Amino acid sequence: MKEITLRVPDHKVEFVMQLIEQLGLDVSDQPDIPEEHKEIVRKRIQKSIKNPDRLLNWEEVKDSFKLE
């Protein structure tokens, strides 16, 4: 089976989704996350569990970000 990624303009998404449904094709909202990326996250979680003091409190740091 082939897998295809489409870039669809916002105004055509509904049409494309109806077409896909009519053709009986599978649609996946879930991105494929490589196992090596998952492992990085698992290691970071374990590191944080072992040393929670290394984490910053979101309420204390969120205002320091400059959003453009």
C-alpha atoms as a PDB file:
ATOM      1  CA  MET A   1       0.000   0.000   0.000  1.00  0.00           C
ATOM      2  CA  LYS A   2       1.251   3.493  -0.844  1.00  0.00           C
ATOM      3  CA  GLU A   3       1.103   6.404   1.585  1.00  0.00           C
ATOM      4  CA  ILE A   4       0.585   9.923   0.250  1.00  0.00           C
ATOM      5  CA  THR A   5       0.882  13.268   1.991  1.00  0.00           C
ATOM      6  CA  LEU A   6      -1.252  16.075   0.565  1.00  0.00           C
ATOM      7  CA  ARG A   7      -1.029  19.815   1.065  1.00  0.00           C
ATOM      8  CA  VAL A   8      -4.551  21.113   0.636  1.00  0.00           C
ATOM      9  CA  PRO A   9      -5.597  24.782   0.638  1.00  0.00           C
ATOM     10  CA  ASP A  10      -7.898  25.570   3.559  1.00  0.00           C
ATOM     11  CA  HIS A  11     -10.848  26.304   1.293  1.00  0.00           C
ATOM     12  CA  LYS A  12     -10.605  22.853  -0.346  1.00  0.00           C
ATOM     13  CA  VAL A  13     -10.151  20.651   2.743  1.00  0.00           C
ATOM     14  CA  GLU A  14     -13.831  19.793   3.090  1.00  0.00           C
ATOM     15  CA  PHE A  15     -14.070  18.816  -0.597  1.00  0.00           C
ATOM     16  CA  VAL A  16     -10.934  16.661  -0.423  1.00  0.00           C
ATOM     17  CA  MET A  17     -12.115  14.926   2.761  1.00  0.00           C
ATOM     18  CA  GLN A  18     -15.486  14.139   1.139  1.00  0.00           C
ATOM     19  CA  LEU A  19     -13.697  12.723  -1.899  1.00  0.00           C
ATOM     20  CA  ILE A  20     -11.441  10.563   0.271  1.00  0.00           C
ATOM     21  CA  GLU A  21     -14.479   9.291   2.181  1.00  0.00           C
ATOM     22  CA  GLN A  22     -16.347   8.478  -1.059  1.00  0.00           C
ATOM     23  CA  LEU A  23     -13.335   6.556  -2.350  1.00  0.00           C
ATOM     24  CA  GLY A  24     -13.200   4.573   0.892  1.00  0.00           C
ATOM     25  CA  LEU A  25      -9.595   5.530   1.618  1.00  0.00           C
ATOM     26  CA  ASP A  26      -7.962   5.445   5.055  1.00  0.00           C
ATOM     27  CA  VAL A  27      -7.216   8.764   6.720  1.00  0.00           C
ATOM     28  CA  SER A  28      -4.760   9.099   9.561  1.00  0.00           C
ATOM     29  CA  ASP A  29      -4.548  12.194  11.742  1.00  0.00           C
ATOM     30  CA  GLN A  30      -1.672  10.674  13.665  1.00  0.00           C
ATOM     31  CA  PRO A  31       1.802  11.547  12.445  1.00  0.00           C
ATOM     32  CA  ASP A  32       4.386   8.798  12.365  1.00  0.00           C
ATOM     33  CA  ILE A  33       6.859   9.566  15.137  1.00  0.00           C
ATOM     34  CA  PRO A  34      10.191   7.849  14.631  1.00  0.00           C
ATOM     35  CA  GLU A  35      11.166   5.465  17.421  1.00  0.00           C
ATOM     36  CA  GLU A  36      14.406   7.364  18.023  1.00  0.00           C
ATOM     37  CA  HIS A  37      12.403  10.535  18.748  1.00  0.00           C
ATOM     38  CA  LYS A  38      10.187   8.644  21.167  1.00  0.00           C
ATOM     39  CA  GLU A  39      13.292   7.347  22.931  1.00  0.00           C
ATOM     40  CA  ILE A  40      14.651  10.885  23.348  1.00  0.00           C
ATOM     41  CA  VAL A  41      11.388  11.918  25.008  1.00  0.00           C
ATOM     42  CA  ARG A  42      11.400   8.838  27.264  1.00  0.00           C
ATOM     43  CA  LYS A  43      14.944   9.647  28.413  1.00  0.00           C
ATOM     44  CA  ARG A  44      14.005  13.260  29.140  1.00  0.00           C
ATOM     45  CA  ILE A  45      10.981  12.144  31.162  1.00  0.00           C
ATOM     46  CA  GLN A  46      13.122   9.769  33.210  1.00  0.00           C
ATOM     47  CA  LYS A  47      15.708  12.501  33.770  1.00  0.00           C
ATOM     48  CA  SER A  48      12.984  14.849  35.018  1.00  0.00           C
ATOM     49  CA  ILE A  49      11.504  12.205  37.309  1.00  0.00           C
ATOM     50  CA  LYS A  50      14.928  11.607  38.865  1.00  0.00           C
ATOM     51  CA  ASN A  51      15.655  15.315  39.261  1.00  0.00           C
ATOM     52  CA  PRO A  52      12.453  17.408  39.282  1.00  0.00           C
ATOM     53  CA  ASP A  53      14.368  20.486  40.494  1.00  0.00           C
ATOM     54  CA  ARG A  54      15.875  20.837  37.020  1.00  0.00           C
ATOM     55  CA  LEU A  55      12.463  21.829  35.654  1.00  0.00           C
ATOM     56  CA  LEU A  56      11.172  25.383  35.499  1.00  0.00           C
ATOM     57  CA  ASN A  57       7.706  26.376  36.624  1.00  0.00           C
ATOM     58  CA  TRP A  58       5.671  27.417  33.576  1.00  0.00           C
ATOM     59  CA  GLU A  59       3.740  30.077  35.516  1.00  0.00           C
ATOM     60  CA  GLU A  60       7.038  31.706  36.486  1.00  0.00           C
ATOM     61  CA  VAL A  61       8.669  31.690  33.039  1.00  0.00           C
ATOM     62  CA  LYS A  62       5.860  32.086  30.499  1.00  0.00           C
ATOM     63  CA  ASP A  63       5.901  35.871  30.590  1.00  0.00           C
ATOM     64  CA  SER A  64       9.595  35.924  29.714  1.00  0.00           C
ATOM     65  CA  PHE A  65       8.817  34.653  26.196  1.00  0.00           C
ATOM     66  CA  LYS A  66       8.377  37.170  23.428  1.00  0.00           C
ATOM     67  CA  LEU A  67       5.752  36.027  20.956  1.00  0.00           C
ATOM     68  CA  GLU A  68       5.817  37.699  17.569  1.00  0.00           C
END
